[in-house]
Amino acid sequence: MHKNYPSHVTKEQFENIRSILENNKKKTKPRNLDLYEVFCAVLYVLKSECQWRMLPKNFPKWQTVYYYFQIWSKNSDKEPSTWQVILKKILVRKVRINNGRKEQTSFCIIDSQSVKNTDTAKNKGYDAGKKISGIKRHIAVDSQGLPHAIYITTAEKKDRNSAIIMIENEKENLSKVQKILVDAGYTSEKFAFKIKTIINANVQVIKRNELHSFVVLPKRWVVERSFAWLEKCRRLWKNCERKLNTSLQMVVLSFISILLKRS
């Protein structure tokens, strides 16, 4: 790889995650391929929205890049993917410590974003409220907009139910959370009770009609900014992925690229 694209991270930044990516695949012989080049190729696909087969020739072969992307994206109900481990257990915690915060947050803001599908998507749903056929991205961020939980569903799923599943999946990572801020779409005593049961956190609902004027909802702009960060990656403007897990890993990878450039 010779040409330096704007999507690239520096080699110094890549060293923060190199060991995890290298250890994810057992070596039966010395590796001749530089994983830095593979990682930059994956970022190029994410940022430019090009197809895997259309990777520029100065990157490794697209089959090789896609093969490694699949390995790093593989997860299960018990084990998160390599991308998820890098984001939650390394980069988010490192950035928080650099900002003078504790590793785990005590405050979260939850919201969702409906995104249209392309014709290649296998999983589809219809959000009747926003009239969008596609998927929903659910995220929980701290006061700095750093993601602590990410969950992807089809668009017809209710925000409250999906948020509960997301919190349940990440209850270890969110064990220190004491307060969760949501908008009026999450209003429900059952929802608040479920969150209290799972992680012992209190839910605060901010309603626009209680502010008596048109203003930005307190602290809600933080999670909206996090969604805006994702839009810096053209591949996330629509859902181009066949599987929900691939959509999830692309969102995680987007946050990884942002936080790596902050390190």
Protein backbone atom coordinates (compact mmCIF):
# COMPACT_ATOMS: atom_id res chain seq x y z
CA MET A 1 0.00 0.00 0.00
CA HIS A 2 1.53 3.29 -1.09
CA LYS A 3 -1.22 5.88 -1.39
CA ASN A 4 -2.46 7.51 1.81
CA TYR A 5 -6.25 8.04 1.77
CA PRO A 6 -8.14 10.37 4.15
CA SER A 7 -9.82 7.32 5.71
CA HIS A 8 -6.51 5.96 6.99
CA VAL A 9 -5.31 6.05 10.57
CA THR A 10 -1.61 6.43 11.29
CA LYS A 11 0.58 3.46 12.12
CA GLU A 12 1.07 4.88 15.60
CA GLN A 13 -2.69 4.95 16.14
CA PHE A 14 -3.04 1.43 14.76
CA GLU A 15 -0.55 0.11 17.33
CA ASN A 16 -3.26 0.61 19.98
CA ILE A 17 -5.23 -2.29 18.50
CA ARG A 18 -2.66 -4.31 16.51
CA SER A 19 -2.11 -7.01 19.14
CA ILE A 20 -5.84 -7.77 19.44
CA LEU A 21 -6.30 -8.08 15.69
CA GLU A 22 -3.21 -10.25 15.33
CA ASN A 23 -4.17 -12.61 18.16
CA ASN A 24 -7.67 -13.13 16.81
CA LYS A 25 -6.44 -15.57 14.15
CA LYS A 26 -4.03 -18.39 14.88
CA LYS A 27 -0.87 -18.36 12.78
CA THR A 28 0.16 -21.67 11.19
CA LYS A 29 3.00 -19.92 9.38
CA PRO A 30 4.64 -16.49 9.47
CA ARG A 31 2.23 -13.79 8.31
CA ASN A 32 3.53 -11.93 5.27
CA LEU A 33 0.58 -9.55 5.19
CA ASP A 34 0.64 -6.33 7.19
CA LEU A 35 -2.66 -6.08 9.08
CA TYR A 36 -2.31 -2.30 9.08
CA GLU A 37 -2.94 -2.39 5.32
CA VAL A 38 -5.93 -4.69 5.78
CA PHE A 39 -7.41 -2.42 8.46
CA CYS A 40 -6.96 0.68 6.27
CA ALA A 41 -8.68 -1.16 3.41
CA VAL A 42 -11.68 -1.92 5.64
CA LEU A 43 -11.83 1.75 6.66
CA TYR A 44 -11.72 2.74 2.98
CA VAL A 45 -14.81 0.59 2.29
CA LEU A 46 -16.58 2.09 5.31
CA LYS A 47 -15.78 5.70 4.44
CA SER A 48 -16.20 5.58 0.66
CA GLU A 49 -19.13 3.11 0.38
CA CYS A 50 -17.37 1.23 -2.40
CA GLN A 51 -18.05 -2.48 -2.92
CA TRP A 52 -15.49 -4.93 -1.59
CA ARG A 53 -14.67 -5.99 -5.16
CA MET A 54 -13.92 -2.37 -6.08
CA LEU A 55 -11.09 -1.81 -3.60
CA PRO A 56 -8.19 0.05 -5.26
CA LYS A 57 -5.35 -2.19 -6.42
CA ASN A 58 -2.85 -0.66 -4.00
CA PHE A 59 -4.67 -2.41 -1.13
CA PRO A 60 -4.36 -6.15 -0.47
CA LYS A 61 -6.71 -8.36 -2.53
CA TRP A 62 -10.34 -7.70 -1.72
CA GLN A 63 -10.91 -11.38 -0.90
CA THR A 64 -8.21 -11.17 1.78
CA VAL A 65 -9.58 -7.93 3.23
CA TYR A 66 -13.12 -9.31 3.34
CA TYR A 67 -11.88 -12.55 4.92
CA TYR A 68 -10.24 -10.68 7.80
CA PHE A 69 -13.27 -8.39 8.19
CA GLN A 70 -15.45 -11.48 8.65
CA ILE A 71 -13.10 -12.95 11.25
CA TRP A 72 -13.02 -9.70 13.24
CA SER A 73 -16.83 -9.35 12.94
CA LYS A 74 -17.73 -12.82 14.15
CA ASN A 75 -19.67 -12.83 17.41
CA SER A 76 -22.14 -14.94 19.36
CA ASP A 77 -24.58 -14.63 22.25
CA LYS A 78 -21.73 -15.25 24.69
CA GLU A 79 -18.75 -13.67 22.94
CA PRO A 80 -18.59 -10.18 21.39
CA SER A 81 -16.75 -9.60 18.13
CA THR A 82 -13.17 -8.36 18.00
CA TRP A 83 -14.45 -4.95 16.87
CA GLN A 84 -16.76 -4.75 19.90
CA VAL A 85 -13.98 -5.69 22.32
CA ILE A 86 -11.71 -3.03 20.83
CA LEU A 87 -14.36 -0.33 21.10
CA LYS A 88 -15.85 -0.99 24.53
CA LYS A 89 -12.97 -2.42 26.53
CA ILE A 90 -10.06 -0.45 25.07
CA LEU A 91 -10.81 2.73 23.14
CA VAL A 92 -13.84 4.09 25.01
CA ARG A 93 -12.20 3.46 28.38
CA LYS A 94 -8.91 4.95 27.20
CA VAL A 95 -10.57 8.13 25.92
CA ARG A 96 -12.57 8.49 29.15
CA ILE A 97 -9.40 8.17 31.27
CA ASN A 98 -7.60 10.69 29.05
CA ASN A 99 -10.52 13.06 29.65
CA GLY A 100 -10.21 12.65 33.41
CA ARG A 101 -13.22 10.31 33.76
CA LYS A 102 -13.61 6.85 35.26
CA GLU A 103 -13.43 3.80 32.96
CA GLN A 104 -17.14 3.05 33.31
CA THR A 105 -19.80 5.70 33.03
CA SER A 106 -22.49 6.44 35.63
CA PHE A 107 -24.75 8.30 33.16
CA CYS A 108 -26.19 7.25 29.78
CA ILE A 109 -28.43 8.68 27.10
CA ILE A 110 -30.42 6.24 24.96
CA ASP A 111 -31.92 6.89 21.54
CA SER A 112 -32.61 5.17 18.23
CA GLN A 113 -32.21 6.04 14.56
CA SER A 114 -34.21 4.55 11.69
CA VAL A 115 -32.21 3.98 8.50
CA LYS A 116 -33.43 3.02 5.03
CA ASN A 117 -32.37 -0.29 3.49
CA THR A 118 -30.90 -0.84 0.06
CA ASP A 119 -32.23 -3.71 -2.05
CA THR A 120 -29.40 -6.00 -0.88
CA ALA A 121 -30.56 -6.07 2.75
CA LYS A 122 -31.96 -9.40 3.92
CA ASN A 123 -33.57 -8.16 7.15
CA LYS A 124 -36.28 -5.56 6.64
CA GLY A 125 -38.93 -3.85 8.75
CA TYR A 126 -41.16 -0.79 8.51
CA ASP A 127 -41.11 2.08 11.00
CA ALA A 128 -44.67 3.42 10.70
CA GLY A 129 -43.89 6.52 12.76
CA LYS A 130 -41.07 7.74 10.53
CA LYS A 131 -42.30 5.91 7.41
CA ILE A 132 -38.96 4.22 6.83
CA SER A 133 -38.41 0.68 5.58
CA GLY A 134 -35.11 -0.57 6.96
CA ILE A 135 -33.36 -1.03 10.29
CA LYS A 136 -33.01 0.77 13.61
CA ARG A 137 -29.76 1.63 15.34
CA HIS A 138 -30.09 1.80 19.12
CA ILE A 139 -27.23 3.32 21.12
CA ALA A 140 -26.43 4.27 24.70
CA VAL A 141 -23.81 7.02 25.04
CA ASP A 142 -22.23 8.86 27.96
CA SER A 143 -22.11 12.63 28.48
CA GLN A 144 -19.24 12.87 25.94
CA GLY A 145 -21.12 10.95 23.25
CA LEU A 146 -18.95 7.83 23.59
CA PRO A 147 -20.87 4.59 22.88
CA HIS A 148 -21.30 2.06 25.69
CA ALA A 149 -23.97 -0.10 24.05
CA ILE A 150 -25.06 -0.59 20.44
CA TYR A 151 -27.93 -2.75 19.19
CA ILE A 152 -29.37 -3.20 15.69
CA THR A 153 -32.92 -4.34 14.90
CA THR A 154 -35.34 -4.18 12.01
CA ALA A 155 -37.24 -0.90 11.87
CA GLU A 156 -40.60 -2.13 13.20
CA LYS A 157 -39.21 -3.04 16.64
CA LYS A 158 -40.34 -0.80 19.51
CA ASP A 159 -37.70 1.47 21.04
CA ARG A 160 -38.50 0.47 24.62
CA ASN A 161 -38.27 -3.28 24.03
CA SER A 162 -35.06 -2.95 22.04
CA ALA A 163 -33.50 -0.70 24.69
CA ILE A 164 -34.22 -3.30 27.34
CA ILE A 165 -32.54 -6.03 25.29
CA MET A 166 -29.57 -3.73 24.62
CA ILE A 167 -29.15 -2.99 28.33
CA GLU A 168 -29.50 -6.68 29.17
CA ASN A 169 -26.79 -7.58 26.64
CA GLU A 170 -24.42 -4.93 28.05
CA LYS A 171 -25.32 -5.05 31.73
CA GLU A 172 -21.73 -5.83 32.72
CA ASN A 173 -20.41 -2.84 30.81
CA LEU A 174 -23.22 -0.63 32.21
CA SER A 175 -23.07 -1.92 35.77
CA LYS A 176 -21.99 1.49 37.15
CA VAL A 177 -24.77 3.45 35.45
CA GLN A 178 -27.02 5.26 37.93
CA LYS A 179 -29.13 7.41 35.61
CA ILE A 180 -30.44 6.98 32.05
CA LEU A 181 -31.89 9.87 30.05
CA VAL A 182 -34.49 9.17 27.34
CA ASP A 183 -37.07 11.04 25.28
CA ALA A 184 -40.85 10.74 25.39
CA GLY A 185 -40.85 7.65 23.16
CA TYR A 186 -39.55 5.59 26.10
CA THR A 187 -42.24 6.72 28.55
CA SER A 188 -43.43 3.65 30.43
CA GLU A 189 -43.45 2.55 34.06
CA LYS A 190 -42.74 -1.00 32.89
CA PHE A 191 -39.68 0.19 30.97
CA ALA A 192 -38.34 2.11 33.97
CA PHE A 193 -38.95 -0.90 36.22
CA LYS A 194 -37.13 -3.25 33.82
CA ILE A 195 -34.08 -0.96 33.66
CA LYS A 196 -34.09 -0.65 37.44
CA THR A 197 -34.19 -4.44 37.73
CA ILE A 198 -31.37 -5.07 35.25
CA ILE A 199 -28.76 -2.47 36.26
CA ASN A 200 -30.40 -0.59 39.17
CA ALA A 201 -30.47 2.69 37.22
CA ASN A 202 -33.14 5.40 37.31
CA VAL A 203 -34.81 6.49 34.06
CA GLN A 204 -35.48 10.18 33.44
CA VAL A 205 -37.81 11.12 30.58
CA ILE A 206 -37.39 14.52 28.95
CA LYS A 207 -40.59 15.67 27.23
CA ARG A 208 -40.60 18.56 24.80
CA ASN A 209 -44.10 19.73 25.81
CA GLU A 210 -42.87 20.31 29.36
CA LEU A 211 -40.36 22.92 28.22
CA HIS A 212 -43.10 25.34 27.00
CA SER A 213 -40.98 26.49 24.04
CA PHE A 214 -39.03 25.09 21.11
CA VAL A 215 -35.54 24.44 22.45
CA VAL A 216 -32.97 21.68 22.21
CA LEU A 217 -33.85 19.01 24.77
CA PRO A 218 -31.35 19.06 27.67
CA LYS A 219 -28.45 16.64 27.02
CA ARG A 220 -30.34 15.05 24.10
CA TRP A 221 -28.07 16.82 21.61
CA VAL A 222 -25.20 14.60 22.80
CA VAL A 223 -26.69 11.38 21.41
CA GLU A 224 -27.80 13.19 18.23
CA ARG A 225 -24.20 14.28 17.73
CA SER A 226 -23.08 10.65 18.07
CA PHE A 227 -25.49 9.68 15.30
CA ALA A 228 -24.10 12.57 13.23
CA TRP A 229 -20.57 11.14 13.66
CA LEU A 230 -21.76 7.96 11.95
CA GLU A 231 -22.84 9.95 8.91
CA LYS A 232 -19.20 10.78 8.21
CA CYS A 233 -19.07 7.23 6.81
CA ARG A 234 -20.90 7.03 3.49
CA ARG A 235 -21.60 3.32 3.91
CA LEU A 236 -23.80 4.16 6.91
CA TRP A 237 -26.00 6.67 5.06
CA LYS A 238 -28.18 3.68 4.20
CA ASN A 239 -28.09 0.09 5.37
CA CYS A 240 -26.15 -1.73 2.64
CA GLU A 241 -25.58 -4.96 4.59
CA ARG A 242 -27.45 -8.23 4.14
CA LYS A 243 -27.23 -9.25 7.80
CA LEU A 244 -27.97 -7.29 10.97
CA ASN A 245 -24.69 -8.35 12.56
CA THR A 246 -22.74 -6.84 9.66
CA SER A 247 -24.69 -3.61 10.12
CA LEU A 248 -23.77 -3.69 13.81
CA GLN A 249 -20.07 -4.25 13.12
CA MET A 250 -19.99 -1.38 10.62
CA VAL A 251 -21.40 0.99 13.24
CA VAL A 252 -18.86 -0.26 15.80
CA LEU A 253 -16.05 0.13 13.26
CA SER A 254 -17.12 3.71 12.56
CA PHE A 255 -16.77 4.62 16.24
CA ILE A 256 -13.41 2.81 16.34
CA SER A 257 -12.05 4.95 13.49
CA ILE A 258 -13.22 8.13 15.27
CA LEU A 259 -11.69 7.20 18.62
CA LEU A 260 -8.43 5.96 17.11
CA LYS A 261 -7.88 9.37 15.57
CA ARG A 262 -8.39 10.91 19.01
CA SER A 263 -5.77 8.69 20.61
